[in-house]
């Protein structure tokens, strides 16, 4: 039951990563600090469709 979601940079709003999330186990939106190649820094990325 995993859904495919994109991770969007909070600084430049580019969608950089794609991952899967089990919606039955996780109710909140995923937030991960990852490297953004457009900002050239480690920035918080939030889950988007």
PDB file of N, CA and C in Angstrom:
ATOM      1  N   UNK A   1       0.803  -1.189   0.000  1.00  0.00           N
ATOM      2  CA  UNK A   1       0.000   0.000   0.000  1.00  0.00           C
ATOM      3  C   UNK A   1       0.854   1.265   0.000  1.00  0.00           C
ATOM      4  N   UNK A   2       2.017   1.227  -0.550  1.00  0.00           N
ATOM      5  CA  UNK A   2       2.885   2.396  -0.582  1.00  0.00           C
ATOM      6  C   UNK A   2       2.521   3.288  -1.768  1.00  0.00           C
ATOM      7  N   UNK A   3       2.482   4.595  -1.508  1.00  0.00           N
ATOM      8  CA  UNK A   3       2.196   5.576  -2.544  1.00  0.00           C
ATOM      9  C   UNK A   3       3.484   6.276  -2.938  1.00  0.00           C
ATOM     10  N   UNK A   4       3.585   6.658  -4.205  1.00  0.00           N
ATOM     11  CA  UNK A   4       4.739   7.388  -4.697  1.00  0.00           C
ATOM     12  C   UNK A   4       4.509   8.877  -4.468  1.00  0.00           C
ATOM     13  N   UNK A   5       5.468   9.541  -3.815  1.00  0.00           N
ATOM     14  CA  UNK A   5       5.375  10.971  -3.540  1.00  0.00           C
ATOM     15  C   UNK A   5       6.671  11.649  -3.963  1.00  0.00           C
ATOM     16  N   UNK A   6       6.587  12.926  -4.255  1.00  0.00           N
ATOM     17  CA  UNK A   6       7.765  13.725  -4.587  1.00  0.00           C
ATOM     18  C   UNK A   6       8.173  14.558  -3.398  1.00  0.00           C
ATOM     19  N   UNK A   7       9.459  14.849  -3.284  1.00  0.00           N
ATOM     20  CA  UNK A   7       9.963  15.705  -2.217  1.00  0.00           C
ATOM     21  C   UNK A   7      10.351  17.050  -2.830  1.00  0.00           C
ATOM     22  N   UNK A   8       9.755  18.132  -2.317  1.00  0.00           N
ATOM     23  CA  UNK A   8       9.951  19.469  -2.856  1.00  0.00           C
ATOM     24  C   UNK A   8      10.815  20.291  -1.911  1.00  0.00           C
ATOM     25  N   UNK A   9      11.768  21.004  -2.471  1.00  0.00           N
ATOM     26  CA  UNK A   9      12.644  21.885  -1.703  1.00  0.00           C
ATOM     27  C   UNK A   9      11.825  23.052  -1.159  1.00  0.00           C
ATOM     28  N   UNK A  10      12.020  23.392   0.116  1.00  0.00           N
ATOM     29  CA  UNK A  10      11.271  24.494   0.712  1.00  0.00           C
ATOM     30  C   UNK A  10      11.857  25.853   0.338  1.00  0.00           C
ATOM     31  N   UNK A  11      13.090  25.877  -0.151  1.00  0.00           N
ATOM     32  CA  UNK A  11      13.741  27.147  -0.474  1.00  0.00           C
ATOM     33  C   UNK A  11      13.465  27.572  -1.920  1.00  0.00           C
ATOM     34  N   UNK A  12      13.717  26.681  -2.879  1.00  0.00           N
ATOM     35  CA  UNK A  12      13.566  27.044  -4.299  1.00  0.00           C
ATOM     36  C   UNK A  12      12.326  26.440  -4.948  1.00  0.00           C
ATOM     37  N   UNK A  13      11.583  25.588  -4.218  1.00  0.00           N
ATOM     38  CA  UNK A  13      10.315  24.980  -4.672  1.00  0.00           C
ATOM     39  C   UNK A  13      10.476  24.018  -5.850  1.00  0.00           C
ATOM     40  N   UNK A  14      11.667  23.477  -6.075  1.00  0.00           N
ATOM     41  CA  UNK A  14      11.881  22.469  -7.114  1.00  0.00           C
ATOM     42  C   UNK A  14      11.648  21.086  -6.538  1.00  0.00           C
ATOM     43  N   UNK A  15      11.086  20.207  -7.344  1.00  0.00           N
ATOM     44  CA  UNK A  15      10.847  18.825  -6.941  1.00  0.00           C
ATOM     45  C   UNK A  15      12.085  18.016  -7.312  1.00  0.00           C
ATOM     46  N   UNK A  16      12.854  17.580  -6.297  1.00  0.00           N
ATOM     47  CA  UNK A  16      14.151  16.965  -6.534  1.00  0.00           C
ATOM     48  C   UNK A  16      14.164  15.456  -6.373  1.00  0.00           C
ATOM     49  N   UNK A  17      13.375  14.906  -5.466  1.00  0.00           N
ATOM     50  CA  UNK A  17      13.439  13.489  -5.144  1.00  0.00           C
ATOM     51  C   UNK A  17      12.062  12.847  -5.254  1.00  0.00           C
ATOM     52  N   UNK A  18      12.046  11.533  -5.515  1.00  0.00           N
ATOM     53  CA  UNK A  18      10.819  10.743  -5.546  1.00  0.00           C
ATOM     54  C   UNK A  18      11.037   9.550  -4.622  1.00  0.00           C
ATOM     55  N   UNK A  19      10.034   9.269  -3.773  1.00  0.00           N
ATOM     56  CA  UNK A  19      10.142   8.167  -2.832  1.00  0.00           C
ATOM     57  C   UNK A  19       8.764   7.558  -2.610  1.00  0.00           C
ATOM     58  N   UNK A  20       8.706   6.471  -1.862  1.00  0.00           N
ATOM     59  CA  UNK A  20       7.434   5.828  -1.542  1.00  0.00           C
ATOM     60  C   UNK A  20       7.153   5.979  -0.053  1.00  0.00           C
ATOM     61  N   UNK A  21       5.859   6.117   0.280  1.00  0.00           N
ATOM     62  CA  UNK A  21       5.435   6.290   1.666  1.00  0.00           C
ATOM     63  C   UNK A  21       4.232   5.394   1.910  1.00  0.00           C
ATOM     64  N   UNK A  22       4.247   4.663   3.033  1.00  0.00           N
ATOM     65  CA  UNK A  22       3.107   3.850   3.436  1.00  0.00           C
ATOM     66  C   UNK A  22       2.129   4.752   4.185  1.00  0.00           C
ATOM     67  N   UNK A  23       0.998   5.076   3.565  1.00  0.00           N
ATOM     68  CA  UNK A  23       0.027   6.007   4.132  1.00  0.00           C
ATOM     69  C   UNK A  23      -0.710   5.425   5.342  1.00  0.00           C
ATOM     70  N   UNK A  24      -0.755   4.098   5.468  1.00  0.00           N
ATOM     71  CA  UNK A  24      -1.424   3.484   6.619  1.00  0.00           C
ATOM     72  C   UNK A  24      -0.607   3.654   7.895  1.00  0.00           C
ATOM     73  N   UNK A  25       0.704   3.690   7.778  1.00  0.00           N
ATOM     74  CA  UNK A  25       1.569   3.803   8.944  1.00  0.00           C
ATOM     75  C   UNK A  25       1.949   5.242   9.264  1.00  0.00           C
ATOM     76  N   UNK A  26       1.975   6.117   8.264  1.00  0.00           N
ATOM     77  CA  UNK A  26       2.420   7.490   8.456  1.00  0.00           C
ATOM     78  C   UNK A  26       1.301   8.455   8.064  1.00  0.00           C
ATOM     79  N   UNK A  27       0.784   9.214   9.032  1.00  0.00           N
ATOM     80  CA  UNK A  27      -0.325  10.122   8.751  1.00  0.00           C
ATOM     81  C   UNK A  27       0.155  11.534   8.412  1.00  0.00           C
ATOM     82  N   UNK A  28       1.301  11.956   8.957  1.00  0.00           N
ATOM     83  CA  UNK A  28       1.831  13.292   8.690  1.00  0.00           C
ATOM     84  C   UNK A  28       2.623  13.301   7.383  1.00  0.00           C
ATOM     85  N   UNK A  29       2.820  14.493   6.834  1.00  0.00           N
ATOM     86  CA  UNK A  29       3.637  14.621   5.626  1.00  0.00           C
ATOM     87  C   UNK A  29       5.110  14.459   5.987  1.00  0.00           C
ATOM     88  N   UNK A  30       5.851  13.815   5.108  1.00  0.00           N
ATOM     89  CA  UNK A  30       7.258  13.540   5.332  1.00  0.00           C
ATOM     90  C   UNK A  30       8.081  14.820   5.190  1.00  0.00           C
ATOM     91  N   UNK A  31       9.030  15.022   6.100  1.00  0.00           N
ATOM     92  CA  UNK A  31       9.963  16.142   6.035  1.00  0.00           C
ATOM     93  C   UNK A  31      11.362  15.607   6.278  1.00  0.00           C
ATOM     94  N   UNK A  32      12.252  15.806   5.304  1.00  0.00           N
ATOM     95  CA  UNK A  32      13.622  15.298   5.393  1.00  0.00           C
ATOM     96  C   UNK A  32      14.580  16.391   4.950  1.00  0.00           C
ATOM     97  N   UNK A  33      15.710  16.502   5.620  1.00  0.00           N
ATOM     98  CA  UNK A  33      16.747  17.437   5.208  1.00  0.00           C
ATOM     99  C   UNK A  33      17.649  16.714   4.216  1.00  0.00           C
ATOM    100  N   UNK A  34      17.624  17.169   2.942  1.00  0.00           N
ATOM    101  CA  UNK A  34      18.394  16.536   1.880  1.00  0.00           C
ATOM    102  C   UNK A  34      19.113  17.606   1.074  1.00  0.00           C
ATOM    103  N   UNK A  35      20.051  17.186   0.225  1.00  0.00           N
ATOM    104  CA  UNK A  35      20.824  18.115  -0.597  1.00  0.00           C
ATOM    105  C   UNK A  35      20.015  18.516  -1.824  1.00  0.00           C
ATOM    106  N   UNK A  36      19.931  19.825  -2.086  1.00  0.00           N
ATOM    107  CA  UNK A  36      19.266  20.362  -3.267  1.00  0.00           C
ATOM    108  C   UNK A  36      20.335  20.816  -4.249  1.00  0.00           C
ATOM    109  N   UNK A  37      20.317  20.260  -5.466  1.00  0.00           N
ATOM    110  CA  UNK A  37      21.352  20.607  -6.445  1.00  0.00           C
ATOM    111  C   UNK A  37      21.153  22.003  -7.023  1.00  0.00           C
ATOM    112  N   UNK A  38      19.948  22.564  -6.909  1.00  0.00           N
ATOM    113  CA  UNK A  38      19.697  23.911  -7.416  1.00  0.00           C
ATOM    114  C   UNK A  38      20.138  24.972  -6.405  1.00  0.00           C
ATOM    115  N   UNK A  39      19.888  24.725  -5.115  1.00  0.00           N
ATOM    116  CA  UNK A  39      20.316  25.647  -4.052  1.00  0.00           C
ATOM    117  C   UNK A  39      21.776  25.425  -3.671  1.00  0.00           C
ATOM    118  N   UNK A  40      22.290  24.240  -3.983  1.00  0.00           N
ATOM    119  CA  UNK A  40      23.642  23.820  -3.620  1.00  0.00           C
ATOM    120  C   UNK A  40      23.846  23.841  -2.099  1.00  0.00           C
ATOM    121  N   UNK A  41      22.838  23.323  -1.366  1.00  0.00           N
ATOM    122  CA  UNK A  41      22.903  23.261   0.087  1.00  0.00           C
ATOM    123  C   UNK A  41      21.969  22.179   0.589  1.00  0.00           C
ATOM    124  N   UNK A  42      22.165  21.771   1.833  1.00  0.00           N
ATOM    125  CA  UNK A  42      21.252  20.824   2.469  1.00  0.00           C
ATOM    126  C   UNK A  42      20.076  21.614   3.034  1.00  0.00           C
ATOM    127  N   UNK A  43      18.887  21.342   2.484  1.00  0.00           N
ATOM    128  CA  UNK A  43      17.689  22.109   2.821  1.00  0.00           C
ATOM    129  C   UNK A  43      16.574  21.132   3.176  1.00  0.00           C
ATOM    130  N   UNK A  44      15.610  21.592   3.945  1.00  0.00           N
ATOM    131  CA  UNK A  44      14.456  20.785   4.302  1.00  0.00           C
ATOM    132  C   UNK A  44      13.591  20.554   3.062  1.00  0.00           C
ATOM    133  N   UNK A  45      13.235  19.285   2.817  1.00  0.00           N
ATOM    134  CA  UNK A  45      12.369  18.898   1.712  1.00  0.00           C
ATOM    135  C   UNK A  45      11.070  18.341   2.292  1.00  0.00           C
ATOM    136  N   UNK A  46       9.937  18.786   1.729  1.00  0.00           N
ATOM    137  CA  UNK A  46       8.625  18.340   2.204  1.00  0.00           C
ATOM    138  C   UNK A  46       7.928  17.510   1.135  1.00  0.00           C
ATOM    139  N   UNK A  47       7.061  16.638   1.603  1.00  0.00           N
ATOM    140  CA  UNK A  47       6.309  15.750   0.713  1.00  0.00           C
ATOM    141  C   UNK A  47       5.292  16.546  -0.118  1.00  0.00           C
ATOM    142  N   UNK A  48       5.211  16.213  -1.402  1.00  0.00           N
ATOM    143  CA  UNK A  48       4.201  16.777  -2.297  1.00  0.00           C
ATOM    144  C   UNK A  48       3.690  15.674  -3.198  1.00  0.00           C
ATOM    145  N   UNK A  49       2.668  15.933  -3.966  1.00  0.00           N
ATOM    146  CA  UNK A  49       2.099  14.925  -4.846  1.00  0.00           C
ATOM    147  C   UNK A  49       2.983  14.672  -6.040  1.00  0.00           C
TER     148      UNK A  49
END
